[in-house]
Amino acid sequence: SGRRLADHAQRILAEGQAAEEAARDETAELSGTVRLGAPMNFGLLRIAPLIAQFTKENPLVDVDLHLSDAKIDIVELGLDATIRIADMPDSSLRARRLADVHMHVVASPAYLAAHGTPRCVADLGAHNCLSYTLASSNAPDEWSFGPGGAVKVPLAGNLRANNGDALVAAAVAGQGIISQPTFILCDDLRAGRLVALDLDHPATELDGVFAVWPGDRRPPARLRAFLDWAADRFGQVPPWDP
């Protein structure tokens, strides 16, 4: 009974907040706080720079940014929305697609010179493959390739991490092969510190970058404006695609 009462009270509060936001939306100038969640790497690399530009042009708006690679509860944390990558929301959430994001399997030139270059996904089993433990499409000991992840490749490596930057640093240092999204890899690929492998099956693509928010709420004008800003700057060809 206590849980039902809490849920009912939460809905009342949400309705009151929505009414307040609707009234505020009628004002000409954006104001208030955007409470936004984002994955750690994407938030640092891609969202934080946008916030700096957006708040400069909208000085009455401030942003409360919550960075976490864990799957967070938007309502529990009091967020307006959160950014999710490749993880489509459940039925209680609404979503807006902001950008594409692609996966590459990469290694450093030094690693490939020392250990050889894999030509097909089956070759990866003989290499030191460094795994991201929070991946939605890859398990730490098995990577997926092709449409829908139909091709499964067992592998092993001497590093697992829940942070993509740690894996990139290890790969650049020549430790092994990694599979990571282009928004993390692009600078090292462009600089030649990492090389994308041309395998017989492509890495399984991610669904994209989405902003998601509770389905029973109307996003405030300041959040809608920020998402418009982000989608416009990411564009049809995101700046992180090599």
C-alpha atoms as a PDB file:
ATOM      1  CA  SER A   1       0.000   0.000   0.000  1.00  0.00           C
ATOM      2  CA  GLY A   2       2.882   2.337   0.744  1.00  0.00           C
ATOM      3  CA  ARG A   3       4.385   1.701  -2.676  1.00  0.00           C
ATOM      4  CA  ARG A   4       1.037   2.431  -4.365  1.00  0.00           C
ATOM      5  CA  LEU A   5       0.713   5.667  -2.394  1.00  0.00           C
ATOM      6  CA  ALA A   6       4.242   6.685  -3.389  1.00  0.00           C
ATOM      7  CA  ASP A   7       3.541   5.938  -7.055  1.00  0.00           C
ATOM      8  CA  HIS A   8       0.332   7.978  -6.919  1.00  0.00           C
ATOM      9  CA  ALA A   9       2.098  10.902  -5.247  1.00  0.00           C
ATOM     10  CA  GLN A  10       4.850  10.739  -7.845  1.00  0.00           C
ATOM     11  CA  ARG A  11       2.302  10.987 -10.661  1.00  0.00           C
ATOM     12  CA  ILE A  12       0.679  14.003  -8.992  1.00  0.00           C
ATOM     13  CA  LEU A  13       4.053  15.710  -8.647  1.00  0.00           C
ATOM     14  CA  ALA A  14       4.871  14.952 -12.285  1.00  0.00           C
ATOM     15  CA  GLU A  15       1.558  16.433 -13.421  1.00  0.00           C
ATOM     16  CA  GLY A  16       2.179  19.546 -11.365  1.00  0.00           C
ATOM     17  CA  GLN A  17       5.669  19.879 -12.790  1.00  0.00           C
ATOM     18  CA  ALA A  18       4.328  19.434 -16.328  1.00  0.00           C
ATOM     19  CA  ALA A  19       1.759  22.199 -15.748  1.00  0.00           C
ATOM     20  CA  GLU A  20       4.460  24.501 -14.431  1.00  0.00           C
ATOM     21  CA  GLU A  21       6.703  23.704 -17.394  1.00  0.00           C
ATOM     22  CA  ALA A  22       3.883  24.322 -19.870  1.00  0.00           C
ATOM     23  CA  ALA A  23       3.293  27.764 -18.356  1.00  0.00           C
ATOM     24  CA  ARG A  24       7.001  28.524 -18.485  1.00  0.00           C
ATOM     25  CA  ASP A  25       7.172  27.413 -22.116  1.00  0.00           C
ATOM     26  CA  GLU A  26       4.988  30.368 -23.038  1.00  0.00           C
ATOM     27  CA  THR A  27       7.753  32.796 -22.115  1.00  0.00           C
ATOM     28  CA  ALA A  28      10.001  33.978 -24.935  1.00  0.00           C
ATOM     29  CA  GLU A  29      13.368  33.204 -23.321  1.00  0.00           C
ATOM     30  CA  LEU A  30      14.573  29.779 -22.243  1.00  0.00           C
ATOM     31  CA  SER A  31      15.350  29.441 -18.553  1.00  0.00           C
ATOM     32  CA  GLY A  32      15.727  26.870 -15.785  1.00  0.00           C
ATOM     33  CA  THR A  33      17.733  23.681 -15.322  1.00  0.00           C
ATOM     34  CA  VAL A  34      18.153  20.839 -17.819  1.00  0.00           C
ATOM     35  CA  ARG A  35      18.769  17.658 -15.831  1.00  0.00           C
ATOM     36  CA  LEU A  36      20.469  15.300 -18.254  1.00  0.00           C
ATOM     37  CA  GLY A  37      22.075  11.869 -17.954  1.00  0.00           C
ATOM     38  CA  ALA A  38      24.663  10.472 -20.362  1.00  0.00           C
ATOM     39  CA  PRO A  39      27.165   7.601 -20.666  1.00  0.00           C
ATOM     40  CA  MET A  40      30.580   8.558 -19.316  1.00  0.00           C
ATOM     41  CA  ASN A  41      32.609   8.640 -22.546  1.00  0.00           C
ATOM     42  CA  PHE A  42      29.929  10.102 -24.774  1.00  0.00           C
ATOM     43  CA  GLY A  43      29.042  12.679 -22.130  1.00  0.00           C
ATOM     44  CA  LEU A  44      32.641  13.837 -21.746  1.00  0.00           C
ATOM     45  CA  LEU A  45      33.555  13.779 -25.430  1.00  0.00           C
ATOM     46  CA  ARG A  46      30.348  14.860 -27.147  1.00  0.00           C
ATOM     47  CA  ILE A  47      27.762  16.275 -24.730  1.00  0.00           C
ATOM     48  CA  ALA A  48      29.887  18.507 -22.478  1.00  0.00           C
ATOM     49  CA  PRO A  49      31.212  20.626 -25.386  1.00  0.00           C
ATOM     50  CA  LEU A  50      27.636  21.137 -26.619  1.00  0.00           C
ATOM     51  CA  ILE A  51      26.534  22.247 -23.153  1.00  0.00           C
ATOM     52  CA  ALA A  52      29.244  24.923 -23.140  1.00  0.00           C
ATOM     53  CA  GLN A  53      28.009  26.312 -26.461  1.00  0.00           C
ATOM     54  CA  PHE A  54      24.309  25.989 -25.618  1.00  0.00           C
ATOM     55  CA  THR A  55      24.508  27.760 -22.249  1.00  0.00           C
ATOM     56  CA  LYS A  56      26.578  30.547 -23.796  1.00  0.00           C
ATOM     57  CA  GLU A  57      23.713  31.285 -26.191  1.00  0.00           C
ATOM     58  CA  ASN A  58      21.055  30.668 -23.515  1.00  0.00           C
ATOM     59  CA  PRO A  59      22.466  32.299 -20.359  1.00  0.00           C
ATOM     60  CA  LEU A  60      19.335  31.689 -18.253  1.00  0.00           C
ATOM     61  CA  VAL A  61      19.641  27.918 -18.724  1.00  0.00           C
ATOM     62  CA  ASP A  62      21.916  25.764 -16.577  1.00  0.00           C
ATOM     63  CA  VAL A  63      22.606  22.056 -16.906  1.00  0.00           C
ATOM     64  CA  ASP A  64      22.865  19.350 -14.264  1.00  0.00           C
ATOM     65  CA  LEU A  65      24.810  16.574 -16.030  1.00  0.00           C
ATOM     66  CA  HIS A  66      24.830  13.051 -14.569  1.00  0.00           C
ATOM     67  CA  LEU A  67      27.495  10.800 -16.122  1.00  0.00           C
ATOM     68  CA  SER A  68      27.277   7.042 -15.665  1.00  0.00           C
ATOM     69  CA  ASP A  69      27.748   3.947 -17.800  1.00  0.00           C
ATOM     70  CA  ALA A  70      25.183   2.090 -15.696  1.00  0.00           C
ATOM     71  CA  LYS A  71      21.576   1.867 -16.894  1.00  0.00           C
ATOM     72  CA  ILE A  72      19.993   4.542 -14.731  1.00  0.00           C
ATOM     73  CA  ASP A  73      16.433   5.181 -13.548  1.00  0.00           C
ATOM     74  CA  ILE A  74      15.480   8.583 -14.949  1.00  0.00           C
ATOM     75  CA  VAL A  75      12.581   9.142 -12.541  1.00  0.00           C
ATOM     76  CA  GLU A  76      14.491   8.022  -9.458  1.00  0.00           C
ATOM     77  CA  LEU A  77      17.357  10.411 -10.218  1.00  0.00           C
ATOM     78  CA  GLY A  78      15.017  13.280 -11.084  1.00  0.00           C
ATOM     79  CA  LEU A  79      16.362  13.671 -14.627  1.00  0.00           C
ATOM     80  CA  ASP A  80      14.522  15.286 -17.519  1.00  0.00           C
ATOM     81  CA  ALA A  81      16.129  12.849 -19.979  1.00  0.00           C
ATOM     82  CA  THR A  82      19.154  10.677 -20.519  1.00  0.00           C
ATOM     83  CA  ILE A  83      21.297   9.792 -23.510  1.00  0.00           C
ATOM     84  CA  ARG A  84      21.420   6.115 -24.425  1.00  0.00           C
ATOM     85  CA  ILE A  85      23.496   4.407 -27.080  1.00  0.00           C
ATOM     86  CA  ALA A  86      22.212   1.261 -28.806  1.00  0.00           C
ATOM     87  CA  ASP A  87      19.759   0.620 -25.980  1.00  0.00           C
ATOM     88  CA  MET A  88      16.218   1.185 -27.183  1.00  0.00           C
ATOM     89  CA  PRO A  89      13.934   2.320 -24.376  1.00  0.00           C
ATOM     90  CA  ASP A  90      11.241   0.228 -22.787  1.00  0.00           C
ATOM     91  CA  SER A  91       7.551   0.977 -23.354  1.00  0.00           C
ATOM     92  CA  SER A  92       7.371   3.462 -20.467  1.00  0.00           C
ATOM     93  CA  LEU A  93       9.870   5.795 -22.155  1.00  0.00           C
ATOM     94  CA  ARG A  94       9.765   8.020 -25.201  1.00  0.00           C
ATOM     95  CA  ALA A  95      12.799   8.508 -27.397  1.00  0.00           C
ATOM     96  CA  ARG A  96      14.312  10.823 -29.971  1.00  0.00           C
ATOM     97  CA  ARG A  97      17.107   9.666 -32.244  1.00  0.00           C
ATOM     98  CA  LEU A  98      19.976  12.161 -32.266  1.00  0.00           C
ATOM     99  CA  ALA A  99      22.668  10.520 -34.392  1.00  0.00           C
ATOM    100  CA  ASP A 100      24.137   7.379 -35.895  1.00  0.00           C
ATOM    101  CA  VAL A 101      27.117   5.668 -34.338  1.00  0.00           C
ATOM    102  CA  HIS A 102      29.184   2.866 -35.844  1.00  0.00           C
ATOM    103  CA  MET A 103      31.497   0.196 -34.497  1.00  0.00           C
ATOM    104  CA  HIS A 104      35.045  -0.610 -35.632  1.00  0.00           C
ATOM    105  CA  VAL A 105      37.443  -3.379 -34.686  1.00  0.00           C
ATOM    106  CA  VAL A 106      40.856  -1.736 -34.390  1.00  0.00           C
ATOM    107  CA  ALA A 107      44.445  -2.222 -33.284  1.00  0.00           C
ATOM    108  CA  SER A 108      47.641  -0.183 -33.287  1.00  0.00           C
ATOM    109  CA  PRO A 109      50.149  -0.465 -36.155  1.00  0.00           C
ATOM    110  CA  ALA A 110      52.705  -1.740 -33.626  1.00  0.00           C
ATOM    111  CA  TYR A 111      50.435  -4.576 -32.485  1.00  0.00           C
ATOM    112  CA  LEU A 112      49.668  -5.622 -36.064  1.00  0.00           C
ATOM    113  CA  ALA A 113      53.359  -5.526 -37.011  1.00  0.00           C
ATOM    114  CA  ALA A 114      54.198  -7.786 -34.073  1.00  0.00           C
ATOM    115  CA  HIS A 115      51.268 -10.213 -34.239  1.00  0.00           C
ATOM    116  CA  GLY A 116      49.939 -10.062 -37.786  1.00  0.00           C
ATOM    117  CA  THR A 117      46.727  -8.604 -39.189  1.00  0.00           C
ATOM    118  CA  PRO A 118      43.486 -10.613 -38.859  1.00  0.00           C
ATOM    119  CA  ARG A 119      41.733 -11.034 -42.208  1.00  0.00           C
ATOM    120  CA  CYS A 120      38.550 -12.725 -41.013  1.00  0.00           C
ATOM    121  CA  VAL A 121      36.632 -12.761 -37.745  1.00  0.00           C
ATOM    122  CA  ALA A 122      37.735 -16.332 -37.036  1.00  0.00           C
ATOM    123  CA  ASP A 123      41.339 -15.073 -36.868  1.00  0.00           C
ATOM    124  CA  LEU A 124      40.477 -12.994 -33.794  1.00  0.00           C
ATOM    125  CA  GLY A 125      40.535 -16.123 -31.627  1.00  0.00           C
ATOM    126  CA  ALA A 126      44.318 -16.199 -31.995  1.00  0.00           C
ATOM    127  CA  HIS A 127      44.727 -12.573 -30.869  1.00  0.00           C
ATOM    128  CA  ASN A 128      44.637 -10.636 -27.607  1.00  0.00           C
ATOM    129  CA  CYS A 129      41.168  -9.068 -27.707  1.00  0.00           C
ATOM    130  CA  LEU A 130      40.423  -6.479 -25.031  1.00  0.00           C
ATOM    131  CA  SER A 131      36.764  -6.395 -24.016  1.00  0.00           C
ATOM    132  CA  TYR A 132      34.251  -3.820 -22.797  1.00  0.00           C
ATOM    133  CA  THR A 133      32.256  -5.445 -20.001  1.00  0.00           C
ATOM    134  CA  LEU A 134      29.124  -3.284 -20.345  1.00  0.00           C
ATOM    135  CA  ALA A 135      28.578  -3.822 -24.070  1.00  0.00           C
ATOM    136  CA  SER A 136      24.993  -4.581 -25.101  1.00  0.00           C
ATOM    137  CA  SER A 137      25.989  -6.550 -28.230  1.00  0.00           C
ATOM    138  CA  ASN A 138      29.296  -8.159 -27.177  1.00  0.00           C
ATOM    139  CA  ALA A 139      30.042 -10.420 -24.234  1.00  0.00           C
ATOM    140  CA  PRO A 140      33.548 -10.175 -22.743  1.00  0.00           C
ATOM    141  CA  ASP A 141      34.470 -13.588 -24.215  1.00  0.00           C
ATOM    142  CA  GLU A 142      32.409 -13.444 -27.414  1.00  0.00           C
ATOM    143  CA  TRP A 143      32.005 -10.705 -30.018  1.00  0.00           C
ATOM    144  CA  SER A 144      29.127 -10.434 -32.501  1.00  0.00           C
ATOM    145  CA  PHE A 145      29.425  -9.603 -36.170  1.00  0.00           C
ATOM    146  CA  GLY A 146      27.102  -9.096 -39.109  1.00  0.00           C
ATOM    147  CA  PRO A 147      23.470  -7.903 -39.185  1.00  0.00           C
ATOM    148  CA  GLY A 148      21.730  -8.652 -35.927  1.00  0.00           C
ATOM    149  CA  GLY A 149      24.925 -10.094 -34.467  1.00  0.00           C
ATOM    150  CA  ALA A 150      24.354 -13.422 -36.223  1.00  0.00           C
ATOM    151  CA  VAL A 151      28.058 -14.353 -36.329  1.00  0.00           C
ATOM    152  CA  LYS A 152      29.469 -15.129 -32.861  1.00  0.00           C
ATOM    153  CA  VAL A 153      33.222 -15.338 -32.354  1.00  0.00           C
ATOM    154  CA  PRO A 154      34.735 -16.711 -29.112  1.00  0.00           C
ATOM    155  CA  LEU A 155      37.877 -14.892 -28.022  1.00  0.00           C
ATOM    156  CA  ALA A 156      40.149 -14.155 -25.087  1.00  0.00           C
ATOM    157  CA  GLY A 157      42.327 -11.327 -23.857  1.00  0.00           C
ATOM    158  CA  ASN A 158      44.267 -10.057 -20.875  1.00  0.00           C
ATOM    159  CA  LEU A 159      42.228  -6.907 -20.232  1.00  0.00           C
ATOM    160  CA  ARG A 160      38.545  -6.296 -19.546  1.00  0.00           C
ATOM    161  CA  ALA A 161      37.237  -2.868 -18.591  1.00  0.00           C
ATOM    162  CA  ASN A 162      33.942  -1.051 -18.037  1.00  0.00           C
ATOM    163  CA  ASN A 163      35.340   2.089 -19.663  1.00  0.00           C
ATOM    164  CA  GLY A 164      36.063   2.568 -23.356  1.00  0.00           C
ATOM    165  CA  ASP A 165      38.856   5.107 -22.869  1.00  0.00           C
ATOM    166  CA  ALA A 166      40.841   2.556 -20.852  1.00  0.00           C
ATOM    167  CA  LEU A 167      40.578   0.076 -23.715  1.00  0.00           C
ATOM    168  CA  VAL A 168      41.551   2.678 -26.295  1.00  0.00           C
ATOM    169  CA  ALA A 169      44.631   3.644 -24.275  1.00  0.00           C
ATOM    170  CA  ALA A 170      45.661  -0.016 -24.039  1.00  0.00           C
ATOM    171  CA  ALA A 171      45.114  -0.552 -27.762  1.00  0.00           C
ATOM    172  CA  VAL A 172      47.128   2.547 -28.695  1.00  0.00           C
ATOM    173  CA  ALA A 173      49.930   1.204 -26.474  1.00  0.00           C
ATOM    174  CA  GLY A 174      49.940  -2.006 -28.521  1.00  0.00           C
ATOM    175  CA  GLN A 175      48.320  -4.353 -26.016  1.00  0.00           C
ATOM    176  CA  GLY A 176      45.640  -5.837 -28.256  1.00  0.00           C
ATOM    177  CA  ILE A 177      42.550  -5.510 -30.437  1.00  0.00           C
ATOM    178  CA  ILE A 178      39.388  -3.681 -29.373  1.00  0.00           C
ATOM    179  CA  SER A 179      35.860  -3.185 -30.702  1.00  0.00           C
ATOM    180  CA  GLN A 180      34.573   0.300 -29.897  1.00  0.00           C
ATOM    181  CA  PRO A 181      32.237   2.981 -31.319  1.00  0.00           C
ATOM    182  CA  THR A 182      33.537   5.675 -33.627  1.00  0.00           C
ATOM    183  CA  PHE A 183      32.794   8.530 -31.221  1.00  0.00           C
ATOM    184  CA  ILE A 184      35.601   7.155 -29.016  1.00  0.00           C
ATOM    185  CA  LEU A 185      37.947   5.994 -31.793  1.00  0.00           C
ATOM    186  CA  CYS A 186      37.784   8.791 -34.348  1.00  0.00           C
ATOM    187  CA  ASP A 187      40.734  10.924 -33.166  1.00  0.00           C
ATOM    188  CA  ASP A 188      43.092   7.941 -32.937  1.00  0.00           C
ATOM    189  CA  LEU A 189      41.940   6.586 -36.303  1.00  0.00           C
ATOM    190  CA  ARG A 190      42.493   9.937 -37.990  1.00  0.00           C
ATOM    191  CA  ALA A 191      45.920  10.287 -36.395  1.00  0.00           C
ATOM    192  CA  GLY A 192      46.948   6.762 -37.397  1.00  0.00           C
ATOM    193  CA  ARG A 193      47.457   5.598 -33.821  1.00  0.00           C
ATOM    194  CA  LEU A 194      44.815   2.933 -34.483  1.00  0.00           C
ATOM    195  CA  VAL A 195      43.908   1.087 -37.685  1.00  0.00           C
ATOM    196  CA  ALA A 196      40.454  -0.285 -38.535  1.00  0.00           C
ATOM    197  CA  LEU A 197      40.576  -3.968 -39.492  1.00  0.00           C
ATOM    198  CA  ASP A 198      39.039  -5.061 -42.793  1.00  0.00           C
ATOM    199  CA  LEU A 199      37.374  -8.330 -41.775  1.00  0.00           C
ATOM    200  CA  ASP A 200      35.071 -10.680 -43.672  1.00  0.00           C
ATOM    201  CA  HIS A 201      32.111  -9.676 -41.467  1.00  0.00           C
ATOM    202  CA  PRO A 202      31.408  -6.132 -40.265  1.00  0.00           C
ATOM    203  CA  ALA A 203      31.035  -5.377 -36.581  1.00  0.00           C
ATOM    204  CA  THR A 204      27.420  -5.452 -35.460  1.00  0.00           C
ATOM    205  CA  GLU A 205      26.100  -1.904 -35.719  1.00  0.00           C
ATOM    206  CA  LEU A 206      24.649   0.008 -32.799  1.00  0.00           C
ATOM    207  CA  ASP A 207      21.087   1.302 -33.002  1.00  0.00           C
ATOM    208  CA  GLY A 208      22.214   4.905 -32.608  1.00  0.00           C
ATOM    209  CA  VAL A 209      22.303   7.724 -30.084  1.00  0.00           C
ATOM    210  CA  PHE A 210      18.948   8.426 -28.424  1.00  0.00           C
ATOM    211  CA  ALA A 211      17.572  10.861 -25.898  1.00  0.00           C
ATOM    212  CA  VAL A 212      14.929   9.162 -23.753  1.00  0.00           C
ATOM    213  CA  TRP A 213      12.519  10.539 -21.166  1.00  0.00           C
ATOM    214  CA  PRO A 214       9.469   9.341 -19.187  1.00  0.00           C
ATOM    215  CA  GLY A 215       6.473   8.780 -21.418  1.00  0.00           C
ATOM    216  CA  ASP A 216       4.068  10.516 -19.048  1.00  0.00           C
ATOM    217  CA  ARG A 217       5.925  13.830 -19.174  1.00  0.00           C
ATOM    218  CA  ARG A 218       6.072  16.643 -21.679  1.00  0.00           C
ATOM    219  CA  PRO A 219       9.734  17.613 -22.116  1.00  0.00           C
ATOM    220  CA  PRO A 220      10.288  21.225 -21.021  1.00  0.00           C
ATOM    221  CA  ALA A 221      11.114  23.770 -23.715  1.00  0.00           C
ATOM    222  CA  ARG A 222      14.728  24.102 -22.562  1.00  0.00           C
ATOM    223  CA  LEU A 223      15.247  20.326 -22.970  1.00  0.00           C
ATOM    224  CA  ARG A 224      13.595  20.290 -26.396  1.00  0.00           C
ATOM    225  CA  ALA A 225      15.790  23.199 -27.435  1.00  0.00           C
ATOM    226  CA  PHE A 226      18.945  21.435 -26.253  1.00  0.00           C
ATOM    227  CA  LEU A 227      18.030  18.239 -28.094  1.00  0.00           C
ATOM    228  CA  ASP A 228      17.355  20.257 -31.265  1.00  0.00           C
ATOM    229  CA  TRP A 229      20.773  21.877 -30.763  1.00  0.00           C
ATOM    230  CA  ALA A 230      22.488  18.506 -30.323  1.00  0.00           C
ATOM    231  CA  ALA A 231      20.775  16.844 -33.293  1.00  0.00           C
ATOM    232  CA  ASP A 232      21.635  19.797 -35.520  1.00  0.00           C
ATOM    233  CA  ARG A 233      25.314  19.741 -34.577  1.00  0.00           C
ATOM    234  CA  PHE A 234      25.641  15.993 -34.850  1.00  0.00           C
ATOM    235  CA  GLY A 235      24.058  16.211 -38.296  1.00  0.00           C
ATOM    236  CA  GLN A 236      23.326  13.450 -40.788  1.00  0.00           C
ATOM    237  CA  VAL A 237      27.054  12.597 -40.821  1.00  0.00           C
ATOM    238  CA  PRO A 238      28.201  12.828 -37.191  1.00  0.00           C
ATOM    239  CA  PRO A 239      31.535  14.567 -36.577  1.00  0.00           C
ATOM    240  CA  TRP A 240      32.981  11.386 -35.057  1.00  0.00           C
ATOM    241  CA  ASP A 241      32.648   9.273 -38.219  1.00  0.00           C
ATOM    242  CA  PRO A 242      36.104   8.991 -39.870  1.00  0.00           C
END
